[in-house]
Amino acid sequence: MITKTIVACVKCVRLLVVALGVTALLVASSGMPQTSQDSGLAKRRAAHLRYGINLSEWFAQVYDQKGYTKEHFETWTTAQDIALIKAMNFDHVRLSVNPQPMFRRKQADQIPEDYFGYLDAAVKMILDQGLAVIIDVHPDSDFKEKLVADNEFVEQFADYWRALAKHYSSWNADLVFLEILNEPEFKDRYRWEGVQSKLAVAIREGAPAQTIIVAGGNWSADNELLFIDPLRDANIIYNFHFYDPHVFTHQGATWSTNYVHYLKDLPYPSSPENVQQAAALVPDAVNRLAVIHYGMDRWNAARIDEEISQIAAWGKRWNVPLTCNEFGVYRKTASPTARAAWISDVRTTLERYGIGWTMWDYSGGFGVVVKQDGHAVPDELTVKALGRTMPAASSPRQ
């Protein structure tokens, strides 16, 4: 009886081994990323993403009447702009790309060739200056809301990404990075993990060598990154956005939480005493208290370090490279000196932990340059806060 039992157990083990072997074969043949602890390649490539700037309102966030046209693509950001970015000593750009103008329902893998032509010209112009480029898929909220609720739409988006990744699979993998989705609007963290994993598989099927950039849910907030487990793919960089405290970085903004449009000249660093004047501008008592809390929280370099150190510890635990692909302060109503102080504190903290960064943005509402008569003029305070170089021929403007 004992002998028969042992023989039966041996047969069970053999069957289990065969089953596991078949499963591994199926996983490999499907293109699914394999579990690996070797993130060396992603870390080496992350060295190209140390000091960057976001190129907005070019292939995404296009709100004027011209829309996504040939004229807009060829004139909004020019070779002179890219040369200026290089001259300011940035090493990469993050190119926001809205998939919606080229997204064909039920045929998402059929990306129009003319659109590829415009996008290729932009990517080539960036690479020709020796800059790395993150192709950041950056749709509007209505697109992202479909991903939250519609499984078939997720499948179509995977088709789109597989085709986009395949197109760029022959480009320099050391300098061309693929970012899955800007600021996922998923409150269900578990669903976002599943959706992001599926999209990563599709990208890897299309581009076996390219480095992928992923993020947590809920608008890529830093604390959301702490929730996720690394994907089963070693060639990935993990991204978060940092706009804390939001009441300071988005003061005066009309698209954000309603009460912040009242705010201007909010101090940084903050204290209970120095926020009182700004708090008085907010008519609603509950919202006014949020401004008072900003003062009570005493936001300063040490407070920023406390936040970012948590992300750095997460990256160290999993032995994965990190990047901060967005941070900045809306410049319309912020005090220039307070804005520069916050930017400097965030930038130096990120660098202290070895985390690359990409500031938002080049010439938009958070810009490192201002446009004067169609010409980009670097803002000296912002350039210095970022530790970059003022071009010799530029006229400073605060």
Protein backbone atom coordinates (compact mmCIF):
# COMPACT_ATOMS: atom_id res chain seq x y z
CA MET A 1 0.00 0.00 0.00
CA ILE A 2 2.78 2.43 0.89
CA THR A 3 4.58 1.63 -2.38
CA LYS A 4 1.42 2.27 -4.42
CA THR A 5 0.91 5.57 -2.62
CA ILE A 6 4.48 6.68 -3.35
CA VAL A 7 4.10 5.73 -7.04
CA ALA A 8 0.83 7.67 -7.23
CA CYS A 9 2.46 10.74 -5.65
CA VAL A 10 5.36 10.57 -8.09
CA LYS A 11 2.89 10.48 -10.98
CA CYS A 12 1.09 13.52 -9.52
CA VAL A 13 4.36 15.42 -9.27
CA ARG A 14 5.21 14.53 -12.87
CA LEU A 15 1.81 15.75 -14.04
CA LEU A 16 2.27 18.97 -12.08
CA VAL A 17 5.69 19.56 -13.63
CA VAL A 18 4.26 19.01 -17.12
CA ALA A 19 1.38 21.36 -16.38
CA LEU A 20 3.71 24.05 -15.13
CA GLY A 21 5.88 23.61 -18.19
CA VAL A 22 2.89 24.02 -20.50
CA THR A 23 1.76 27.10 -18.58
CA ALA A 24 5.21 28.65 -18.86
CA LEU A 25 5.24 27.91 -22.59
CA LEU A 26 1.82 29.53 -23.03
CA VAL A 27 2.93 32.60 -21.10
CA ALA A 28 6.10 32.90 -23.18
CA SER A 29 4.26 32.42 -26.49
CA SER A 30 1.65 35.04 -25.55
CA GLY A 31 4.29 37.70 -25.16
CA MET A 32 3.42 38.20 -21.50
CA PRO A 33 6.28 39.84 -19.59
CA GLN A 34 8.33 37.37 -17.59
CA THR A 35 9.02 37.77 -13.90
CA SER A 36 12.52 39.16 -13.43
CA GLN A 37 14.43 41.02 -10.79
CA ASP A 38 17.03 42.37 -13.21
CA SER A 39 16.06 46.02 -13.74
CA GLY A 40 19.57 46.96 -14.86
CA LEU A 41 18.57 47.87 -18.42
CA ALA A 42 15.73 50.13 -17.27
CA LYS A 43 18.04 51.77 -14.72
CA ARG A 44 20.70 52.43 -17.37
CA ARG A 45 18.14 53.97 -19.69
CA ALA A 46 16.63 56.02 -16.87
CA ALA A 47 19.95 57.88 -16.82
CA HIS A 48 18.72 59.59 -20.03
CA LEU A 49 15.72 60.97 -18.11
CA ARG A 50 17.38 63.06 -15.41
CA TYR A 51 16.33 66.63 -16.26
CA GLY A 52 13.35 67.07 -18.57
CA ILE A 53 10.53 69.32 -19.70
CA ASN A 54 6.99 68.53 -20.88
CA LEU A 55 5.97 69.58 -24.38
CA SER A 56 2.28 70.32 -23.96
CA GLU A 57 -0.40 71.76 -26.27
CA TRP A 58 1.33 70.32 -29.36
CA PHE A 59 -0.02 66.81 -29.88
CA ALA A 60 -2.37 67.00 -26.87
CA GLN A 61 -4.29 69.70 -24.93
CA VAL A 62 -5.12 71.46 -28.22
CA TYR A 63 -8.02 73.73 -27.38
CA ASP A 64 -7.90 76.42 -30.06
CA GLN A 65 -10.10 76.38 -33.16
CA LYS A 66 -7.31 75.10 -35.40
CA GLY A 67 -7.34 71.75 -33.70
CA TYR A 68 -5.03 68.90 -34.58
CA THR A 69 -3.95 70.11 -38.02
CA LYS A 70 -0.83 69.99 -40.13
CA GLU A 71 -0.35 73.73 -39.60
CA HIS A 72 -0.56 73.37 -35.82
CA PHE A 73 1.87 70.44 -35.69
CA GLU A 74 4.43 72.28 -37.81
CA THR A 75 4.24 75.65 -36.02
CA TRP A 76 3.34 75.19 -32.35
CA THR A 77 6.73 73.73 -31.36
CA THR A 78 9.58 74.31 -33.78
CA ALA A 79 13.17 73.22 -34.23
CA GLN A 80 14.16 76.48 -32.54
CA ASP A 81 12.17 75.50 -29.46
CA ILE A 82 13.86 72.11 -29.29
CA ALA A 83 17.27 73.76 -29.73
CA LEU A 84 16.44 76.14 -26.86
CA ILE A 85 15.49 73.20 -24.63
CA LYS A 86 18.85 71.63 -25.41
CA ALA A 87 20.64 74.95 -24.78
CA MET A 88 19.03 75.18 -21.34
CA ASN A 89 20.71 71.84 -20.56
CA PHE A 90 17.68 69.57 -20.41
CA ASP A 91 18.37 66.00 -21.44
CA HIS A 92 14.88 64.84 -22.45
CA VAL A 93 11.34 65.91 -23.24
CA ARG A 94 8.00 64.29 -22.54
CA LEU A 95 5.83 64.57 -25.63
CA SER A 96 2.12 64.50 -24.79
CA VAL A 97 0.15 62.67 -27.50
CA ASN A 98 -3.64 62.56 -27.49
CA PRO A 99 -4.71 59.25 -29.10
CA GLN A 100 -8.25 60.43 -29.81
CA PRO A 101 -7.67 62.21 -33.16
CA MET A 102 -6.11 59.02 -34.59
CA PHE A 103 -8.24 56.43 -32.75
CA ARG A 104 -10.56 54.45 -35.01
CA ARG A 105 -13.36 52.72 -33.13
CA LYS A 106 -13.22 48.92 -33.60
CA GLN A 107 -10.08 49.42 -35.72
CA ALA A 108 -7.79 51.02 -33.17
CA ASP A 109 -4.76 49.26 -34.62
CA GLN A 110 -5.26 51.13 -37.92
CA ILE A 111 -3.47 54.38 -37.06
CA PRO A 112 -3.59 56.87 -39.96
CA GLU A 113 -0.29 57.13 -41.80
CA ASP A 114 -0.49 60.91 -42.12
CA TYR A 115 -0.68 61.22 -38.35
CA PHE A 116 2.36 58.99 -37.98
CA GLY A 117 4.11 61.33 -40.38
CA TYR A 118 3.49 64.37 -38.15
CA LEU A 119 4.44 62.48 -34.99
CA ASP A 120 7.56 60.95 -36.53
CA ALA A 121 8.75 64.38 -37.65
CA ALA A 122 8.38 65.69 -34.09
CA VAL A 123 10.18 62.73 -32.52
CA LYS A 124 12.99 62.96 -35.08
CA MET A 125 13.37 66.70 -34.43
CA ILE A 126 13.81 65.94 -30.72
CA LEU A 127 16.26 63.10 -31.25
CA ASP A 128 18.29 65.19 -33.71
CA GLN A 129 19.12 67.53 -30.81
CA GLY A 130 20.48 64.62 -28.79
CA LEU A 131 17.47 64.61 -26.45
CA ALA A 132 15.62 61.52 -25.26
CA VAL A 133 11.84 61.51 -25.72
CA ILE A 134 8.98 60.00 -23.75
CA ILE A 135 5.96 59.33 -25.96
CA ASP A 136 3.26 60.01 -23.39
CA VAL A 137 -0.22 58.85 -24.38
CA HIS A 138 -2.25 61.72 -22.97
CA PRO A 139 -5.98 61.57 -23.77
CA ASP A 140 -8.79 63.77 -22.49
CA SER A 141 -10.89 62.68 -19.51
CA ASP A 142 -13.76 61.24 -21.57
CA PHE A 143 -11.36 58.73 -23.13
CA LYS A 144 -9.98 57.71 -19.75
CA GLU A 145 -13.47 57.36 -18.30
CA LYS A 146 -14.26 54.70 -20.92
CA LEU A 147 -11.25 52.71 -19.76
CA VAL A 148 -12.66 52.76 -16.24
CA ALA A 149 -15.99 51.19 -17.24
CA ASP A 150 -15.74 49.47 -20.62
CA ASN A 151 -13.73 46.25 -21.01
CA GLU A 152 -14.09 46.25 -24.79
CA PHE A 153 -12.69 49.76 -24.95
CA VAL A 154 -9.68 48.55 -22.95
CA GLU A 155 -9.20 45.85 -25.58
CA GLN A 156 -9.32 48.46 -28.35
CA PHE A 157 -6.81 50.61 -26.49
CA ALA A 158 -4.52 47.59 -26.24
CA ASP A 159 -4.84 47.19 -30.02
CA TYR A 160 -3.90 50.84 -30.45
CA TRP A 161 -0.90 50.55 -28.17
CA ARG A 162 0.34 47.36 -29.85
CA ALA A 163 0.33 49.15 -33.22
CA LEU A 164 1.90 52.34 -31.86
CA ALA A 165 4.61 50.37 -30.07
CA LYS A 166 5.35 48.30 -33.17
CA HIS A 167 5.78 51.49 -35.19
CA TYR A 168 8.42 52.79 -32.78
CA SER A 169 10.06 49.42 -32.09
CA SER A 170 12.78 50.13 -34.66
CA TRP A 171 13.68 53.53 -33.16
CA ASN A 172 16.55 53.99 -30.73
CA ALA A 173 15.40 52.10 -27.63
CA ASP A 174 17.90 53.93 -25.45
CA LEU A 175 16.25 57.28 -26.22
CA VAL A 176 12.59 56.56 -27.10
CA PHE A 177 10.37 55.64 -24.14
CA LEU A 178 6.70 54.62 -24.14
CA GLU A 179 4.41 55.84 -21.34
CA ILE A 180 1.19 53.81 -21.01
CA LEU A 181 -1.26 56.52 -19.88
CA ASN A 182 -1.06 59.98 -18.40
CA GLU A 183 -2.85 60.35 -15.07
CA PRO A 184 -5.23 57.36 -15.08
CA GLU A 185 -8.59 58.42 -13.65
CA PHE A 186 -9.17 55.11 -11.88
CA LYS A 187 -10.42 55.27 -8.30
CA ASP A 188 -10.50 51.46 -8.26
CA ARG A 189 -6.82 50.70 -7.83
CA TYR A 190 -7.29 46.98 -8.44
CA ARG A 191 -8.94 47.56 -11.82
CA TRP A 192 -6.16 49.93 -12.86
CA GLU A 193 -3.55 47.30 -11.99
CA GLY A 194 -5.32 44.83 -14.27
CA VAL A 195 -5.80 47.31 -17.12
CA GLN A 196 -2.22 48.57 -16.92
CA SER A 197 -0.85 45.02 -16.96
CA LYS A 198 -2.86 44.21 -20.09
CA LEU A 199 -1.64 47.36 -21.83
CA ALA A 200 1.97 46.60 -20.87
CA VAL A 201 1.65 43.17 -22.47
CA ALA A 202 0.33 44.75 -25.68
CA ILE A 203 3.19 47.25 -25.77
CA ARG A 204 5.75 44.53 -25.18
CA GLU A 205 4.27 42.47 -28.02
CA GLY A 206 4.71 45.45 -30.33
CA ALA A 207 8.08 46.67 -29.03
CA PRO A 208 10.15 43.95 -27.33
CA ALA A 209 13.11 46.26 -26.61
CA GLN A 210 11.57 49.60 -25.64
CA THR A 211 11.42 50.73 -22.01
CA ILE A 212 7.87 51.23 -20.73
CA ILE A 213 6.81 53.86 -18.19
CA VAL A 214 3.95 53.03 -15.81
CA ALA A 215 2.18 54.77 -12.92
CA GLY A 216 -0.35 54.31 -10.15
CA GLY A 217 -4.05 55.20 -10.51
CA ASN A 218 -5.86 58.35 -9.39
CA TRP A 219 -3.99 60.83 -11.60
CA SER A 220 -0.56 59.21 -11.04
CA ALA A 221 -0.38 60.59 -7.50
CA ASP A 222 2.74 59.72 -5.55
CA ASN A 223 0.87 57.73 -2.89
CA GLU A 224 -0.84 55.66 -5.60
CA LEU A 225 2.51 54.32 -6.73
CA LEU A 226 2.99 52.84 -3.27
CA PHE A 227 -0.09 50.68 -3.79
CA ILE A 228 0.97 48.77 -6.88
CA ASP A 229 3.28 45.78 -7.14
CA PRO A 230 5.87 45.92 -9.92
CA LEU A 231 4.77 44.37 -13.20
CA ARG A 232 6.24 41.11 -14.48
CA ASP A 233 8.61 42.96 -16.77
CA ALA A 234 12.04 44.21 -15.73
CA ASN A 235 12.32 46.83 -18.49
CA ILE A 236 10.00 49.34 -16.82
CA ILE A 237 10.40 52.74 -15.14
CA TYR A 238 7.88 53.72 -12.44
CA ASN A 239 6.45 57.21 -12.62
CA PHE A 240 4.58 59.54 -10.26
CA HIS A 241 3.41 63.15 -10.39
CA PHE A 242 4.02 65.62 -7.60
CA TYR A 243 1.84 68.69 -7.11
CA ASP A 244 1.63 68.75 -3.31
CA PRO A 245 0.29 70.85 -1.77
CA HIS A 246 -2.31 71.25 -4.50
CA VAL A 247 -3.70 74.46 -3.00
CA PHE A 248 -0.32 76.12 -3.60
CA THR A 249 0.63 74.63 -6.98
CA HIS A 250 -2.78 75.24 -8.56
CA GLN A 251 -3.66 78.62 -7.02
CA GLY A 252 -5.55 80.75 -9.49
CA ALA A 253 -6.42 77.82 -11.77
CA THR A 254 -9.94 77.79 -13.19
CA TRP A 255 -10.04 74.08 -14.11
CA SER A 256 -9.11 72.76 -10.67
CA THR A 257 -11.03 72.69 -7.37
CA ASN A 258 -13.34 75.69 -7.57
CA TYR A 259 -12.11 77.70 -4.59
CA VAL A 260 -8.48 77.87 -5.76
CA HIS A 261 -9.43 80.40 -8.45
CA TYR A 262 -9.76 82.96 -5.64
CA LEU A 263 -6.18 82.50 -4.52
CA LYS A 264 -3.10 84.51 -5.43
CA ASP A 265 0.33 85.20 -3.94
CA LEU A 266 0.05 82.24 -1.57
CA PRO A 267 3.30 82.05 0.41
CA TYR A 268 5.80 79.20 0.31
CA PRO A 269 7.20 78.02 2.70
CA SER A 270 3.94 78.19 4.63
CA SER A 271 3.15 78.97 8.25
CA PRO A 272 -0.06 79.59 10.21
CA GLU A 273 0.72 83.30 10.19
CA ASN A 274 1.71 83.96 6.58
CA VAL A 275 -1.35 82.36 4.90
CA GLN A 276 -3.96 84.54 6.60
CA GLN A 277 -4.10 87.21 3.91
CA ALA A 278 -4.55 84.67 1.12
CA ALA A 279 -7.09 82.67 3.16
CA ALA A 280 -9.22 85.78 3.55
CA LEU A 281 -9.76 85.82 -0.24
CA VAL A 282 -11.83 82.61 -0.05
CA PRO A 283 -15.49 83.34 0.78
CA ASP A 284 -16.58 79.85 1.88
CA ALA A 285 -15.54 78.94 5.42
CA VAL A 286 -14.84 75.25 4.71
CA ASN A 287 -12.64 76.05 1.72
CA ARG A 288 -10.96 78.85 3.64
CA LEU A 289 -10.02 76.25 6.24
CA ALA A 290 -8.16 74.27 3.56
CA VAL A 291 -5.92 77.29 3.01
CA ILE A 292 -5.43 77.68 6.75
CA HIS A 293 -4.50 73.99 6.95
CA TYR A 294 -1.84 74.63 4.29
CA GLY A 295 -0.29 77.10 6.71
CA MET A 296 -0.64 74.78 9.69
CA ASP A 297 1.07 71.97 7.77
CA ARG A 298 4.15 74.20 7.39
CA TRP A 299 5.06 73.13 3.88
CA ASN A 300 8.79 73.54 3.26
CA ALA A 301 11.76 71.58 1.94
CA ALA A 302 11.67 69.15 4.87
CA ARG A 303 7.96 68.48 4.35
CA ILE A 304 8.53 67.77 0.66
CA ASP A 305 11.37 65.44 1.59
CA GLU A 306 9.06 63.50 3.92
CA GLU A 307 6.69 62.87 1.01
CA ILE A 308 9.22 61.97 -1.67
CA SER A 309 11.30 59.81 0.67
CA GLN A 310 8.36 57.40 0.87
CA ILE A 311 8.45 56.91 -2.89
CA ALA A 312 12.22 56.51 -2.87
CA ALA A 313 11.91 53.81 -0.20
CA TRP A 314 9.32 51.99 -2.34
CA GLY A 315 11.65 52.04 -5.34
CA LYS A 316 14.53 50.77 -3.23
CA ARG A 317 12.41 47.97 -1.80
CA TRP A 318 11.51 46.69 -5.26
CA ASN A 319 14.84 47.61 -6.87
CA VAL A 320 13.17 49.54 -9.70
CA PRO A 321 13.98 52.93 -11.31
CA LEU A 322 11.74 55.91 -10.59
CA THR A 323 10.89 59.13 -12.37
CA CYS A 324 8.67 62.12 -11.61
CA ASN A 325 7.11 63.02 -14.95
CA GLU A 326 5.18 66.06 -13.76
CA PHE A 327 5.63 68.77 -11.14
CA GLY A 328 5.25 72.52 -11.27
CA VAL A 329 3.32 75.61 -10.18
CA TYR A 330 0.69 77.49 -12.21
CA ARG A 331 2.36 80.80 -12.85
CA LYS A 332 -0.55 83.20 -13.53
CA THR A 333 -1.21 84.29 -9.92
CA ALA A 334 1.61 82.69 -7.95
CA SER A 335 4.37 84.82 -6.44
CA PRO A 336 7.39 84.27 -8.75
CA THR A 337 9.80 83.88 -5.82
CA ALA A 338 7.53 81.48 -3.91
CA ARG A 339 6.97 79.48 -7.10
CA ALA A 340 10.71 79.27 -7.76
CA ALA A 341 11.38 78.22 -4.15
CA TRP A 342 8.89 75.33 -4.36
CA ILE A 343 10.25 74.18 -7.74
CA SER A 344 13.80 74.28 -6.40
CA ASP A 345 12.89 72.31 -3.27
CA VAL A 346 11.10 69.59 -5.25
CA ARG A 347 13.83 69.37 -7.88
CA THR A 348 16.69 69.13 -5.39
CA THR A 349 14.81 66.55 -3.31
CA LEU A 350 14.22 64.35 -6.35
CA GLU A 351 17.87 64.60 -7.33
CA ARG A 352 19.00 63.75 -3.80
CA TYR A 353 17.12 60.45 -4.07
CA GLY A 354 18.37 59.76 -7.59
CA ILE A 355 14.93 60.26 -9.16
CA GLY A 356 14.77 61.78 -12.64
CA TRP A 357 12.24 64.54 -13.31
CA THR A 358 10.25 66.22 -16.06
CA MET A 359 8.79 69.61 -15.17
CA TRP A 360 5.35 70.70 -16.41
CA ASP A 361 5.79 72.47 -18.79
CA TYR A 362 7.69 74.23 -21.59
CA SER A 363 5.52 77.17 -22.68
CA GLY A 364 2.09 76.57 -21.15
CA GLY A 365 0.54 77.84 -17.94
CA PHE A 366 3.33 76.34 -15.81
CA GLY A 367 6.06 77.21 -18.31
CA VAL A 368 9.80 77.50 -18.12
CA VAL A 369 9.57 79.98 -21.00
CA VAL A 370 7.11 82.71 -21.94
CA LYS A 371 6.15 83.49 -25.52
CA GLN A 372 6.73 87.08 -26.68
CA ASP A 373 5.70 87.92 -30.25
CA GLY A 374 6.00 84.26 -31.14
CA HIS A 375 9.45 83.90 -29.60
CA ALA A 376 10.24 81.80 -26.52
CA VAL A 377 11.99 83.72 -23.75
CA PRO A 378 13.34 81.67 -20.81
CA ASP A 379 12.15 82.66 -17.35
CA GLU A 380 15.41 83.10 -15.45
CA LEU A 381 13.91 82.37 -12.02
CA THR A 382 12.43 79.08 -13.22
CA VAL A 383 15.54 78.05 -15.16
CA LYS A 384 17.72 78.61 -12.09
CA ALA A 385 15.23 76.85 -9.80
CA LEU A 386 15.55 73.83 -12.06
CA GLY A 387 19.35 73.98 -11.94
CA ARG A 388 19.51 74.51 -15.69
CA THR A 389 21.47 76.99 -17.82
CA MET A 390 20.31 80.35 -19.18
CA PRO A 391 21.26 80.59 -22.88
CA ALA A 392 23.66 83.46 -23.42
CA ALA A 393 21.51 85.23 -26.01
CA SER A 394 18.26 85.08 -24.00
CA SER A 395 16.68 88.01 -22.22
CA PRO A 396 15.64 87.07 -18.70
CA ARG A 397 12.07 87.59 -17.60
CA GLN A 398 10.46 86.81 -14.28
